Protein backbone atom coordinates (compact mmCIF):
# COMPACT_ATOMS: atom_id res chain seq x y z
CA UNK A 1 1.76 2.75 -0.89
CA UNK A 2 2.63 5.01 1.99
CA UNK A 3 4.15 3.53 5.38
CA UNK A 4 3.55 5.37 8.66
CA UNK A 5 7.33 5.64 9.69
CA UNK A 6 6.77 6.08 13.37
CA UNK A 7 5.20 2.71 13.44
CA UNK A 8 7.57 0.96 10.94
CA UNK A 9 9.85 -0.77 13.55
CA UNK A 10 11.99 -3.79 13.34
CA UNK A 11 9.51 -5.73 15.53
CA UNK A 12 6.57 -4.69 13.57
CA UNK A 13 4.23 -7.28 12.08
CA UNK A 14 1.36 -5.12 11.72
CA UNK A 15 2.22 -1.83 9.54
CA UNK A 16 -0.26 0.87 9.02
CA UNK A 17 -0.14 1.86 5.24
CA UNK A 18 -1.98 4.35 3.08
CA UNK A 19 -3.23 3.09 -0.23
CA UNK A 20 -4.27 5.25 -3.21
CA UNK A 21 -5.74 4.27 -6.51
CA UNK A 22 -3.70 5.26 -9.48
CA UNK A 23 -6.45 5.48 -12.30
CA UNK A 24 -8.88 8.05 -12.61
CA UNK A 25 -11.85 7.23 -10.49
CA UNK A 26 -13.52 10.51 -9.95
CA UNK A 27 -12.20 10.87 -6.47
CA UNK A 28 -14.27 8.03 -4.92
CA UNK A 29 -13.55 6.51 -1.69
CA UNK A 30 -11.52 3.43 -2.50
CA UNK A 31 -12.34 1.61 0.69
CA UNK A 32 -15.27 -0.62 -0.70
CA UNK A 33 -13.28 -1.52 -3.87
CA UNK A 34 -9.94 -2.60 -2.37
CA UNK A 35 -8.95 -6.11 -3.01
CA UNK A 36 -6.92 -8.29 -0.60
CA UNK A 37 -3.31 -7.43 -0.69
CA UNK A 38 -0.53 -9.61 -2.23
CA UNK A 39 2.40 -9.77 0.06
CA UNK A 40 5.53 -11.64 -0.79
CA UNK A 41 7.97 -11.85 2.10
CA UNK A 42 11.72 -12.96 1.58
CA UNK A 43 14.88 -12.53 3.65
CA UNK A 44 15.48 -9.03 2.16
CA UNK A 45 12.09 -7.54 1.59
CA UNK A 46 8.25 -7.49 2.06
CA UNK A 47 6.73 -6.55 -1.07
CA UNK A 48 3.11 -5.52 -1.31
CA UNK A 49 0.68 -5.10 -4.11
CA UNK A 50 -2.94 -4.22 -3.81
CA UNK A 51 -5.50 -3.86 -6.65
CA UNK A 52 -9.14 -2.39 -6.65
CA UNK A 53 -12.15 -2.99 -8.72
CA UNK A 54 -12.06 -0.30 -11.42
CA UNK A 55 -15.19 1.92 -11.95
CA UNK A 56 -17.26 1.60 -15.27
CA UNK A 57 -17.57 4.25 -17.80
CA UNK A 58 -15.70 7.51 -18.18
CA UNK A 59 -14.26 9.09 -15.08
CA UNK A 60 -12.66 12.39 -14.20
CA UNK A 61 -9.23 12.73 -12.32
CA UNK A 62 -9.62 15.31 -9.48
CA UNK A 63 -7.30 13.15 -7.41
CA UNK A 64 -7.76 9.96 -5.45
CA UNK A 65 -7.95 10.05 -1.64
CA UNK A 66 -5.85 7.63 0.32
CA UNK A 67 -7.16 4.99 2.54
CA UNK A 68 -5.41 3.61 5.58
CA UNK A 69 -5.08 -0.25 5.91
CA UNK A 70 -3.18 -2.60 8.41
CA UNK A 71 -0.85 -4.63 6.53
CA UNK A 72 -0.06 -7.96 8.36
CA UNK A 73 3.32 -9.66 7.92
CA UNK A 74 4.02 -13.15 8.80
CA UNK A 75 7.43 -12.33 10.29
CA UNK A 76 8.64 -9.10 11.99
CA UNK A 77 9.96 -6.45 9.59
CA UNK A 78 13.38 -6.60 11.11
CA UNK A 79 16.06 -4.98 8.71
CA UNK A 80 14.06 -5.96 5.56
CA UNK A 81 12.91 -3.27 3.10
CA UNK A 82 9.16 -2.71 2.71
CA UNK A 83 8.40 -2.34 -0.94
CA UNK A 84 5.58 -1.20 -3.12
CA UNK A 85 4.90 -3.83 -5.68
CA UNK A 86 2.63 -1.51 -7.70
CA UNK A 87 5.94 -0.40 -9.69
CA UNK A 88 8.37 -2.49 -11.51
CA UNK A 89 10.85 -2.99 -10.08
CA UNK A 90 9.30 -2.60 -6.72
CA UNK A 91 10.32 0.52 -5.08
CA UNK A 92 10.62 1.44 -1.44
CA UNK A 93 7.28 2.48 0.18
CA UNK A 94 6.86 6.07 0.74
CA UNK A 95 7.29 7.32 4.23
CA UNK A 96 4.50 9.55 5.61
CA UNK A 97 5.54 12.84 6.96
CA UNK A 98 5.07 13.00 10.81
C-alpha cells in the first residue's frame, strides 16, 4: 500500500492510498476485484489490509498496476503510524514520491 504523503496530515480522516495486487494477474486492472478494506485502529496505528478476488487459471506476471482508493479512518490519523497489514508484522505504508 502506498500513501500519498502530501495528504497524510495529522487531521486526516480520509487518506488517498494506492493498492497493488501481489499475485500474478496478467496485469489486469484490480479495480473491479478489490474487496472492502480491513482497518484496525489503535492509539498507536491504523493498520490496513485489502484483498482481491484472484483470477482463475494460469496467469503471466508483467507487473500489476496500482489503483487509487480513499481510505476512511474513524479518527484523525494524528501521530499514529499508517501500517500496511499485507505483511507480517505490518510495515509502514510506502510514501508516494511527489
